[in-house]
mmCIF file of all heavy atoms, coordinates in Angstrom:
data_MODEL
# 
_entry.id   MODEL 
# 
loop_
_atom_site.group_PDB 
_atom_site.id 
_atom_site.type_symbol 
_atom_site.label_atom_id 
_atom_site.label_alt_id 
_atom_site.label_comp_id 
_atom_site.label_asym_id 
_atom_site.label_entity_id 
_atom_site.label_seq_id 
_atom_site.pdbx_PDB_ins_code 
_atom_site.Cartn_x 
_atom_site.Cartn_y 
_atom_site.Cartn_z 
_atom_site.occupancy 
_atom_site.B_iso_or_equiv 
_atom_site.pdbx_formal_charge 
_atom_site.auth_seq_id 
_atom_site.auth_comp_id 
_atom_site.auth_asym_id 
_atom_site.auth_atom_id 
_atom_site.pdbx_PDB_model_num 
ATOM 1   N N   . GLN A 1 1  ? 105.195 172.215 66.523 1.00 0.00 ? 1  GLN A N   1 
ATOM 2   C CA  . GLN A 1 1  ? 104.939 172.246 67.982 1.00 0.00 ? 1  GLN A CA  1 
ATOM 3   C C   . GLN A 1 1  ? 104.969 173.705 68.475 1.00 0.00 ? 1  GLN A C   1 
ATOM 4   O O   . GLN A 1 1  ? 105.909 174.483 68.283 1.00 0.00 ? 1  GLN A O   1 
ATOM 5   C CB  . GLN A 1 1  ? 106.077 171.510 68.679 1.00 0.00 ? 1  GLN A CB  1 
ATOM 6   C CG  . GLN A 1 1  ? 105.746 171.284 70.181 1.00 0.00 ? 1  GLN A CG  1 
ATOM 7   C CD  . GLN A 1 1  ? 106.683 170.193 70.857 1.00 0.00 ? 1  GLN A CD  1 
ATOM 8   O OE1 . GLN A 1 1  ? 107.699 169.945 70.352 1.00 0.00 ? 1  GLN A OE1 1 
ATOM 9   N NE2 . GLN A 1 1  ? 106.176 169.637 71.867 1.00 0.00 ? 1  GLN A NE2 1 
ATOM 10  N N   . ALA A 1 2  ? 103.822 174.088 69.073 1.00 0.00 ? 2  ALA A N   1 
ATOM 11  C CA  . ALA A 1 2  ? 103.688 175.443 69.636 1.00 0.00 ? 2  ALA A CA  1 
ATOM 12  C C   . ALA A 1 2  ? 104.046 175.322 71.157 1.00 0.00 ? 2  ALA A C   1 
ATOM 13  O O   . ALA A 1 2  ? 103.919 174.230 71.757 1.00 0.00 ? 2  ALA A O   1 
ATOM 14  C CB  . ALA A 1 2  ? 102.268 175.953 69.471 1.00 0.00 ? 2  ALA A CB  1 
ATOM 15  N N   . PRO A 1 3  ? 104.405 176.382 71.796 1.00 0.00 ? 3  PRO A N   1 
ATOM 16  C CA  . PRO A 1 3  ? 104.723 176.409 73.217 1.00 0.00 ? 3  PRO A CA  1 
ATOM 17  C C   . PRO A 1 3  ? 103.592 175.814 74.008 1.00 0.00 ? 3  PRO A C   1 
ATOM 18  O O   . PRO A 1 3  ? 102.430 176.208 73.957 1.00 0.00 ? 3  PRO A O   1 
ATOM 19  C CB  . PRO A 1 3  ? 105.014 177.838 73.577 1.00 0.00 ? 3  PRO A CB  1 
ATOM 20  C CG  . PRO A 1 3  ? 105.393 178.481 72.292 1.00 0.00 ? 3  PRO A CG  1 
ATOM 21  C CD  . PRO A 1 3  ? 104.632 177.749 71.164 1.00 0.00 ? 3  PRO A CD  1 
ATOM 22  N N   . GLY A 1 4  ? 103.970 174.857 74.870 1.00 0.00 ? 4  GLY A N   1 
ATOM 23  C CA  . GLY A 1 4  ? 102.996 174.306 75.836 1.00 0.00 ? 4  GLY A CA  1 
ATOM 24  C C   . GLY A 1 4  ? 102.094 173.271 75.152 1.00 0.00 ? 4  GLY A C   1 
ATOM 25  O O   . GLY A 1 4  ? 101.129 172.768 75.876 1.00 0.00 ? 4  GLY A O   1 
ATOM 26  N N   . LYS A 1 5  ? 102.231 172.968 73.934 1.00 0.00 ? 5  LYS A N   1 
ATOM 27  C CA  . LYS A 1 5  ? 101.392 172.080 73.267 1.00 0.00 ? 5  LYS A CA  1 
ATOM 28  C C   . LYS A 1 5  ? 102.135 170.766 72.660 1.00 0.00 ? 5  LYS A C   1 
ATOM 29  O O   . LYS A 1 5  ? 103.363 170.783 72.638 1.00 0.00 ? 5  LYS A O   1 
ATOM 30  C CB  . LYS A 1 5  ? 100.650 172.775 72.089 1.00 0.00 ? 5  LYS A CB  1 
ATOM 31  C CG  . LYS A 1 5  ? 99.751  173.847 72.436 1.00 0.00 ? 5  LYS A CG  1 
ATOM 32  C CD  . LYS A 1 5  ? 98.940  174.423 71.266 1.00 0.00 ? 5  LYS A CD  1 
ATOM 33  C CE  . LYS A 1 5  ? 97.953  175.413 71.728 1.00 0.00 ? 5  LYS A CE  1 
ATOM 34  N NZ  . LYS A 1 5  ? 97.243  175.928 70.520 1.00 0.00 ? 5  LYS A NZ  1 
ATOM 35  N N   . GLU A 1 6  ? 101.411 169.759 72.337 1.00 0.00 ? 6  GLU A N   1 
ATOM 36  C CA  . GLU A 1 6  ? 102.017 168.580 71.892 1.00 0.00 ? 6  GLU A CA  1 
ATOM 37  C C   . GLU A 1 6  ? 102.478 168.743 70.431 1.00 0.00 ? 6  GLU A C   1 
ATOM 38  O O   . GLU A 1 6  ? 102.011 169.673 69.739 1.00 0.00 ? 6  GLU A O   1 
ATOM 39  C CB  . GLU A 1 6  ? 101.040 167.407 71.929 1.00 0.00 ? 6  GLU A CB  1 
ATOM 40  C CG  . GLU A 1 6  ? 100.616 166.864 73.219 1.00 0.00 ? 6  GLU A CG  1 
ATOM 41  C CD  . GLU A 1 6  ? 99.597  165.765 73.232 1.00 0.00 ? 6  GLU A CD  1 
ATOM 42  O OE1 . GLU A 1 6  ? 98.921  165.646 72.136 1.00 0.00 ? 6  GLU A OE1 1 
ATOM 43  O OE2 . GLU A 1 6  ? 99.602  164.990 74.142 1.00 0.00 ? 6  GLU A OE2 1 
ATOM 44  N N   . ARG A 1 7  ? 103.501 167.949 70.021 1.00 0.00 ? 7  ARG A N   1 
ATOM 45  C CA  . ARG A 1 7  ? 103.878 167.947 68.686 1.00 0.00 ? 7  ARG A CA  1 
ATOM 46  C C   . ARG A 1 7  ? 102.837 167.424 67.776 1.00 0.00 ? 7  ARG A C   1 
ATOM 47  O O   . ARG A 1 7  ? 102.109 166.445 68.018 1.00 0.00 ? 7  ARG A O   1 
ATOM 48  C CB  . ARG A 1 7  ? 105.087 167.110 68.515 1.00 0.00 ? 7  ARG A CB  1 
ATOM 49  C CG  . ARG A 1 7  ? 105.769 167.304 67.133 1.00 0.00 ? 7  ARG A CG  1 
ATOM 50  C CD  . ARG A 1 7  ? 107.258 166.821 67.144 1.00 0.00 ? 7  ARG A CD  1 
ATOM 51  N NE  . ARG A 1 7  ? 108.085 167.669 67.984 1.00 0.00 ? 7  ARG A NE  1 
ATOM 52  C CZ  . ARG A 1 7  ? 109.418 167.656 67.978 1.00 0.00 ? 7  ARG A CZ  1 
ATOM 53  N NH1 . ARG A 1 7  ? 110.025 166.782 67.219 1.00 0.00 ? 7  ARG A NH1 1 
ATOM 54  N NH2 . ARG A 1 7  ? 110.049 168.408 68.805 1.00 0.00 ? 7  ARG A NH2 1 
ATOM 55  N N   . GLU A 1 8  ? 102.479 168.223 66.746 1.00 0.00 ? 8  GLU A N   1 
ATOM 56  C CA  . GLU A 1 8  ? 101.256 167.929 65.845 1.00 0.00 ? 8  GLU A CA  1 
ATOM 57  C C   . GLU A 1 8  ? 101.718 167.611 64.476 1.00 0.00 ? 8  GLU A C   1 
ATOM 58  O O   . GLU A 1 8  ? 102.574 168.269 63.852 1.00 0.00 ? 8  GLU A O   1 
ATOM 59  C CB  . GLU A 1 8  ? 100.436 169.225 65.862 1.00 0.00 ? 8  GLU A CB  1 
ATOM 60  C CG  . GLU A 1 8  ? 99.178  169.091 64.984 1.00 0.00 ? 8  GLU A CG  1 
ATOM 61  C CD  . GLU A 1 8  ? 98.389  170.464 64.838 1.00 0.00 ? 8  GLU A CD  1 
ATOM 62  O OE1 . GLU A 1 8  ? 98.953  171.449 65.121 1.00 0.00 ? 8  GLU A OE1 1 
ATOM 63  O OE2 . GLU A 1 8  ? 97.212  170.278 64.422 1.00 0.00 ? 8  GLU A OE2 1 
ATOM 64  N N   . PHE A 1 9  ? 101.043 166.609 63.935 1.00 0.00 ? 9  PHE A N   1 
ATOM 65  C CA  . PHE A 1 9  ? 101.252 166.126 62.564 1.00 0.00 ? 9  PHE A CA  1 
ATOM 66  C C   . PHE A 1 9  ? 100.805 167.244 61.592 1.00 0.00 ? 9  PHE A C   1 
ATOM 67  O O   . PHE A 1 9  ? 99.578  167.624 61.801 1.00 0.00 ? 9  PHE A O   1 
ATOM 68  C CB  . PHE A 1 9  ? 100.733 164.841 62.322 1.00 0.00 ? 9  PHE A CB  1 
ATOM 69  C CG  . PHE A 1 9  ? 100.706 164.346 60.870 1.00 0.00 ? 9  PHE A CG  1 
ATOM 70  C CD1 . PHE A 1 9  ? 101.879 163.838 60.382 1.00 0.00 ? 9  PHE A CD1 1 
ATOM 71  C CD2 . PHE A 1 9  ? 99.587  164.515 60.088 1.00 0.00 ? 9  PHE A CD2 1 
ATOM 72  C CE1 . PHE A 1 9  ? 101.949 163.468 59.033 1.00 0.00 ? 9  PHE A CE1 1 
ATOM 73  C CE2 . PHE A 1 9  ? 99.627  164.113 58.743 1.00 0.00 ? 9  PHE A CE2 1 
ATOM 74  C CZ  . PHE A 1 9  ? 100.873 163.589 58.225 1.00 0.00 ? 9  PHE A CZ  1 
ATOM 75  N N   . VAL A 1 10 ? 101.500 167.511 60.595 1.00 0.00 ? 10 VAL A N   1 
ATOM 76  C CA  . VAL A 1 10 ? 101.092 168.511 59.580 1.00 0.00 ? 10 VAL A CA  1 
ATOM 77  C C   . VAL A 1 10 ? 100.861 167.836 58.231 1.00 0.00 ? 10 VAL A C   1 
ATOM 78  O O   . VAL A 1 10 ? 99.817  167.924 57.665 1.00 0.00 ? 10 VAL A O   1 
ATOM 79  C CB  . VAL A 1 10 ? 102.104 169.626 59.497 1.00 0.00 ? 10 VAL A CB  1 
ATOM 80  C CG1 . VAL A 1 10 ? 101.787 170.632 58.364 1.00 0.00 ? 10 VAL A CG1 1 
ATOM 81  C CG2 . VAL A 1 10 ? 102.280 170.346 60.869 1.00 0.00 ? 10 VAL A CG2 1 
ATOM 82  N N   . ALA A 1 11 ? 101.910 167.159 57.782 1.00 0.00 ? 11 ALA A N   1 
ATOM 83  C CA  . ALA A 1 11 ? 101.770 166.516 56.436 1.00 0.00 ? 11 ALA A CA  1 
ATOM 84  C C   . ALA A 1 11 ? 102.830 165.497 56.223 1.00 0.00 ? 11 ALA A C   1 
ATOM 85  O O   . ALA A 1 11 ? 103.864 165.508 56.862 1.00 0.00 ? 11 ALA A O   1 
ATOM 86  C CB  . ALA A 1 11 ? 101.826 167.648 55.321 1.00 0.00 ? 11 ALA A CB  1 
ATOM 87  N N   . ALA A 1 12 ? 102.593 164.575 55.297 1.00 0.00 ? 12 ALA A N   1 
ATOM 88  C CA  . ALA A 1 12 ? 103.546 163.543 54.970 1.00 0.00 ? 12 ALA A CA  1 
ATOM 89  C C   . ALA A 1 12 ? 103.512 163.255 53.417 1.00 0.00 ? 12 ALA A C   1 
ATOM 90  O O   . ALA A 1 12 ? 102.522 163.513 52.819 1.00 0.00 ? 12 ALA A O   1 
ATOM 91  C CB  . ALA A 1 12 ? 103.240 162.214 55.744 1.00 0.00 ? 12 ALA A CB  1 
ATOM 92  N N   . ILE A 1 13 ? 104.631 162.794 52.938 1.00 0.00 ? 13 ILE A N   1 
ATOM 93  C CA  . ILE A 1 13 ? 104.705 162.452 51.515 1.00 0.00 ? 13 ILE A CA  1 
ATOM 94  C C   . ILE A 1 13 ? 105.517 161.131 51.346 1.00 0.00 ? 13 ILE A C   1 
ATOM 95  O O   . ILE A 1 13 ? 106.520 160.994 52.074 1.00 0.00 ? 13 ILE A O   1 
ATOM 96  C CB  . ILE A 1 13 ? 105.296 163.632 50.737 1.00 0.00 ? 13 ILE A CB  1 
ATOM 97  C CG1 . ILE A 1 13 ? 105.138 163.330 49.249 1.00 0.00 ? 13 ILE A CG1 1 
ATOM 98  C CG2 . ILE A 1 13 ? 106.716 163.846 51.138 1.00 0.00 ? 13 ILE A CG2 1 
ATOM 99  C CD1 . ILE A 1 13 ? 105.445 164.607 48.410 1.00 0.00 ? 13 ILE A CD1 1 
ATOM 100 N N   . SER A 1 14 ? 105.076 160.255 50.480 1.00 0.00 ? 14 SER A N   1 
ATOM 101 C CA  . SER A 1 14 ? 105.740 159.048 50.242 1.00 0.00 ? 14 SER A CA  1 
ATOM 102 C C   . SER A 1 14 ? 107.014 159.212 49.529 1.00 0.00 ? 14 SER A C   1 
ATOM 103 O O   . SER A 1 14 ? 107.454 160.300 49.144 1.00 0.00 ? 14 SER A O   1 
ATOM 104 C CB  . SER A 1 14 ? 104.829 158.097 49.478 1.00 0.00 ? 14 SER A CB  1 
ATOM 105 O OG  . SER A 1 14 ? 104.579 158.644 48.158 1.00 0.00 ? 14 SER A OG  1 
ATOM 106 N N   . ARG A 1 15 ? 107.792 158.101 49.383 1.00 0.00 ? 15 ARG A N   1 
ATOM 107 C CA  . ARG A 1 15 ? 109.116 158.183 48.870 1.00 0.00 ? 15 ARG A CA  1 
ATOM 108 C C   . ARG A 1 15 ? 109.268 158.724 47.449 1.00 0.00 ? 15 ARG A C   1 
ATOM 109 O O   . ARG A 1 15 ? 110.080 159.577 47.128 1.00 0.00 ? 15 ARG A O   1 
ATOM 110 C CB  . ARG A 1 15 ? 109.825 156.774 48.876 1.00 0.00 ? 15 ARG A CB  1 
ATOM 111 C CG  . ARG A 1 15 ? 110.078 156.263 50.250 1.00 0.00 ? 15 ARG A CG  1 
ATOM 112 C CD  . ARG A 1 15 ? 110.787 154.902 50.141 1.00 0.00 ? 15 ARG A CD  1 
ATOM 113 N NE  . ARG A 1 15 ? 109.912 153.871 49.616 1.00 0.00 ? 15 ARG A NE  1 
ATOM 114 C CZ  . ARG A 1 15 ? 108.997 153.153 50.353 1.00 0.00 ? 15 ARG A CZ  1 
ATOM 115 N NH1 . ARG A 1 15 ? 108.992 153.279 51.725 1.00 0.00 ? 15 ARG A NH1 1 
ATOM 116 N NH2 . ARG A 1 15 ? 108.219 152.310 49.716 1.00 0.00 ? 15 ARG A NH2 1 
ATOM 117 N N   . ASP A 1 16 ? 108.229 158.358 46.610 1.00 0.00 ? 16 ASP A N   1 
ATOM 118 C CA  . ASP A 1 16 ? 108.230 158.969 45.290 1.00 0.00 ? 16 ASP A CA  1 
ATOM 119 C C   . ASP A 1 16 ? 107.283 160.076 45.030 1.00 0.00 ? 16 ASP A C   1 
ATOM 120 O O   . ASP A 1 16 ? 107.077 160.517 43.903 1.00 0.00 ? 16 ASP A O   1 
ATOM 121 C CB  . ASP A 1 16 ? 107.876 157.811 44.251 1.00 0.00 ? 16 ASP A CB  1 
ATOM 122 C CG  . ASP A 1 16 ? 106.523 157.246 44.465 1.00 0.00 ? 16 ASP A CG  1 
ATOM 123 O OD1 . ASP A 1 16 ? 105.886 157.607 45.405 1.00 0.00 ? 16 ASP A OD1 1 
ATOM 124 O OD2 . ASP A 1 16 ? 106.109 156.323 43.625 1.00 0.00 ? 16 ASP A OD2 1 
ATOM 125 N N   . GLY A 1 17 ? 106.689 160.532 46.072 1.00 0.00 ? 17 GLY A N   1 
ATOM 126 C CA  . GLY A 1 17 ? 105.733 161.660 46.056 1.00 0.00 ? 17 GLY A CA  1 
ATOM 127 C C   . GLY A 1 17 ? 104.390 161.325 45.585 1.00 0.00 ? 17 GLY A C   1 
ATOM 128 O O   . GLY A 1 17 ? 103.581 162.211 45.467 1.00 0.00 ? 17 GLY A O   1 
ATOM 129 N N   . SER A 1 18 ? 104.086 160.092 45.417 1.00 0.00 ? 18 SER A N   1 
ATOM 130 C CA  . SER A 1 18 ? 102.796 159.721 44.843 1.00 0.00 ? 18 SER A CA  1 
ATOM 131 C C   . SER A 1 18 ? 101.603 159.694 45.949 1.00 0.00 ? 18 SER A C   1 
ATOM 132 O O   . SER A 1 18 ? 100.483 159.730 45.521 1.00 0.00 ? 18 SER A O   1 
ATOM 133 C CB  . SER A 1 18 ? 102.853 158.304 44.204 1.00 0.00 ? 18 SER A CB  1 
ATOM 134 O OG  . SER A 1 18 ? 103.103 157.341 45.187 1.00 0.00 ? 18 SER A OG  1 
ATOM 135 N N   . ILE A 1 19 ? 101.964 159.674 47.117 1.00 0.00 ? 19 ILE A N   1 
ATOM 136 C CA  . ILE A 1 19 ? 100.939 159.616 48.118 1.00 0.00 ? 19 ILE A CA  1 
ATOM 137 C C   . ILE A 1 19 ? 101.215 160.797 49.147 1.00 0.00 ? 19 ILE A C   1 
ATOM 138 O O   . ILE A 1 19 ? 102.365 160.973 49.592 1.00 0.00 ? 19 ILE A O   1 
ATOM 139 C CB  . ILE A 1 19 ? 100.958 158.366 48.959 1.00 0.00 ? 19 ILE A CB  1 
ATOM 140 C CG1 . ILE A 1 19 ? 100.820 157.124 48.068 1.00 0.00 ? 19 ILE A CG1 1 
ATOM 141 C CG2 . ILE A 1 19 ? 99.881  158.334 50.000 1.00 0.00 ? 19 ILE A CG2 1 
ATOM 142 C CD1 . ILE A 1 19 ? 100.957 155.800 48.717 1.00 0.00 ? 19 ILE A CD1 1 
ATOM 143 N N   . ARG A 1 20 ? 100.242 161.530 49.387 1.00 0.00 ? 20 ARG A N   1 
ATOM 144 C CA  . ARG A 1 20 ? 100.385 162.671 50.392 1.00 0.00 ? 20 ARG A CA  1 
ATOM 145 C C   . ARG A 1 20 ? 99.239  162.580 51.400 1.00 0.00 ? 20 ARG A C   1 
ATOM 146 O O   . ARG A 1 20 ? 98.137  162.218 51.081 1.00 0.00 ? 20 ARG A O   1 
ATOM 147 C CB  . ARG A 1 20 ? 100.295 163.978 49.620 1.00 0.00 ? 20 ARG A CB  1 
ATOM 148 C CG  . ARG A 1 20 ? 101.595 164.258 48.723 1.00 0.00 ? 20 ARG A CG  1 
ATOM 149 C CD  . ARG A 1 20 ? 101.627 165.637 48.154 1.00 0.00 ? 20 ARG A CD  1 
ATOM 150 N NE  . ARG A 1 20 ? 100.666 165.726 47.110 1.00 0.00 ? 20 ARG A NE  1 
ATOM 151 C CZ  . ARG A 1 20 ? 100.652 166.753 46.275 1.00 0.00 ? 20 ARG A CZ  1 
ATOM 152 N NH1 . ARG A 1 20 ? 101.558 167.769 46.313 1.00 0.00 ? 20 ARG A NH1 1 
ATOM 153 N NH2 . ARG A 1 20 ? 99.781  166.820 45.291 1.00 0.00 ? 20 ARG A NH2 1 
ATOM 154 N N   . LEU A 1 21 ? 99.550  162.995 52.573 1.00 0.00 ? 21 LEU A N   1 
ATOM 155 C CA  . LEU A 1 21 ? 98.704  162.992 53.742 1.00 0.00 ? 21 LEU A CA  1 
ATOM 156 C C   . LEU A 1 21 ? 98.813  164.394 54.411 1.00 0.00 ? 21 LEU A C   1 
ATOM 157 O O   . LEU A 1 21 ? 100.011 164.773 54.685 1.00 0.00 ? 21 LEU A O   1 
ATOM 158 C CB  . LEU A 1 21 ? 99.083  161.812 54.672 1.00 0.00 ? 21 LEU A CB  1 
ATOM 159 C CG  . LEU A 1 21 ? 98.171  161.610 55.924 1.00 0.00 ? 21 LEU A CG  1 
ATOM 160 C CD1 . LEU A 1 21 ? 96.725  161.198 55.556 1.00 0.00 ? 21 LEU A CD1 1 
ATOM 161 C CD2 . LEU A 1 21 ? 98.781  160.593 56.797 1.00 0.00 ? 21 LEU A CD2 1 
ATOM 162 N N   . THR A 1 22 ? 97.719  164.998 54.761 1.00 0.00 ? 22 THR A N   1 
ATOM 163 C CA  . THR A 1 22 ? 97.647  166.220 55.372 1.00 0.00 ? 22 THR A CA  1 
ATOM 164 C C   . THR A 1 22 ? 96.845  166.241 56.655 1.00 0.00 ? 22 THR A C   1 
ATOM 165 O O   . THR A 1 22 ? 95.736  165.656 56.608 1.00 0.00 ? 22 THR A O   1 
ATOM 166 C CB  . THR A 1 22 ? 97.078  167.282 54.409 1.00 0.00 ? 22 THR A CB  1 
ATOM 167 O OG1 . THR A 1 22 ? 97.811  167.207 53.143 1.00 0.00 ? 22 THR A OG1 1 
ATOM 168 C CG2 . THR A 1 22 ? 97.369  168.675 54.913 1.00 0.00 ? 22 THR A CG2 1 
ATOM 169 N N   . GLY A 1 23 ? 97.301  166.844 57.630 1.00 0.00 ? 23 GLY A N   1 
ATOM 170 C CA  . GLY A 1 23 ? 96.520  166.949 58.853 1.00 0.00 ? 23 GLY A CA  1 
ATOM 171 C C   . GLY A 1 23 ? 95.301  167.773 58.699 1.00 0.00 ? 23 GLY A C   1 
ATOM 172 O O   . GLY A 1 23 ? 95.253  168.708 57.899 1.00 0.00 ? 23 GLY A O   1 
ATOM 173 N N   . ASP A 1 24 ? 94.375  167.476 59.503 1.00 0.00 ? 24 ASP A N   1 
ATOM 174 C CA  . ASP A 1 24 ? 92.987  168.112 59.421 1.00 0.00 ? 24 ASP A CA  1 
ATOM 175 C C   . ASP A 1 24 ? 93.052  169.614 59.624 1.00 0.00 ? 24 ASP A C   1 
ATOM 176 O O   . ASP A 1 24 ? 92.351  170.355 58.958 1.00 0.00 ? 24 ASP A O   1 
ATOM 177 C CB  . ASP A 1 24 ? 92.001  167.469 60.360 1.00 0.00 ? 24 ASP A CB  1 
ATOM 178 C CG  . ASP A 1 24 ? 91.643  166.092 60.026 1.00 0.00 ? 24 ASP A CG  1 
ATOM 179 O OD1 . ASP A 1 24 ? 91.816  165.583 58.893 1.00 0.00 ? 24 ASP A OD1 1 
ATOM 180 O OD2 . ASP A 1 24 ? 91.113  165.409 60.950 1.00 0.00 ? 24 ASP A OD2 1 
ATOM 181 N N   . SER A 1 25 ? 93.911  169.993 60.461 1.00 0.00 ? 25 SER A N   1 
ATOM 182 C CA  . SER A 1 25 ? 94.017  171.411 60.898 1.00 0.00 ? 25 SER A CA  1 
ATOM 183 C C   . SER A 1 25 ? 94.579  172.322 59.751 1.00 0.00 ? 25 SER A C   1 
ATOM 184 O O   . SER A 1 25 ? 94.357  173.525 59.678 1.00 0.00 ? 25 SER A O   1 
ATOM 185 C CB  . SER A 1 25 ? 94.784  171.662 62.112 1.00 0.00 ? 25 SER A CB  1 
ATOM 186 O OG  . SER A 1 25 ? 96.101  171.248 61.972 1.00 0.00 ? 25 SER A OG  1 
ATOM 187 N N   . VAL A 1 26 ? 95.208  171.626 58.757 1.00 0.00 ? 26 VAL A N   1 
ATOM 188 C CA  . VAL A 1 26 ? 95.876  172.470 57.724 1.00 0.00 ? 26 VAL A CA  1 
ATOM 189 C C   . VAL A 1 26 ? 95.368  172.069 56.304 1.00 0.00 ? 26 VAL A C   1 
ATOM 190 O O   . VAL A 1 26 ? 95.826  172.580 55.355 1.00 0.00 ? 26 VAL A O   1 
ATOM 191 C CB  . VAL A 1 26 ? 97.443  172.326 57.766 1.00 0.00 ? 26 VAL A CB  1 
ATOM 192 C CG1 . VAL A 1 26 ? 97.908  172.758 59.116 1.00 0.00 ? 26 VAL A CG1 1 
ATOM 193 C CG2 . VAL A 1 26 ? 97.855  171.005 57.496 1.00 0.00 ? 26 VAL A CG2 1 
ATOM 194 N N   . LYS A 1 27 ? 94.492  171.110 56.269 1.00 0.00 ? 27 LYS A N   1 
ATOM 195 C CA  . LYS A 1 27 ? 94.016  170.644 54.980 1.00 0.00 ? 27 LYS A CA  1 
ATOM 196 C C   . LYS A 1 27 ? 93.324  171.803 54.186 1.00 0.00 ? 27 LYS A C   1 
ATOM 197 O O   . LYS A 1 27 ? 92.495  172.559 54.763 1.00 0.00 ? 27 LYS A O   1 
ATOM 198 C CB  . LYS A 1 27 ? 92.981  169.547 55.206 1.00 0.00 ? 27 LYS A CB  1 
ATOM 199 C CG  . LYS A 1 27 ? 92.671  168.625 54.003 1.00 0.00 ? 27 LYS A CG  1 
ATOM 200 C CD  . LYS A 1 27 ? 91.973  167.312 54.455 1.00 0.00 ? 27 LYS A CD  1 
ATOM 201 C CE  . LYS A 1 27 ? 92.933  166.464 55.338 1.00 0.00 ? 27 LYS A CE  1 
ATOM 202 N NZ  . LYS A 1 27 ? 92.273  165.187 55.719 1.00 0.00 ? 27 LYS A NZ  1 
# 
């Protein structure tokens, strides 16, 4: 979250690390 902006999704990882998801802006 940058000042004055909405909280933005960056990345996620599943419990065992087998699935990863990355936001478009940082892919």
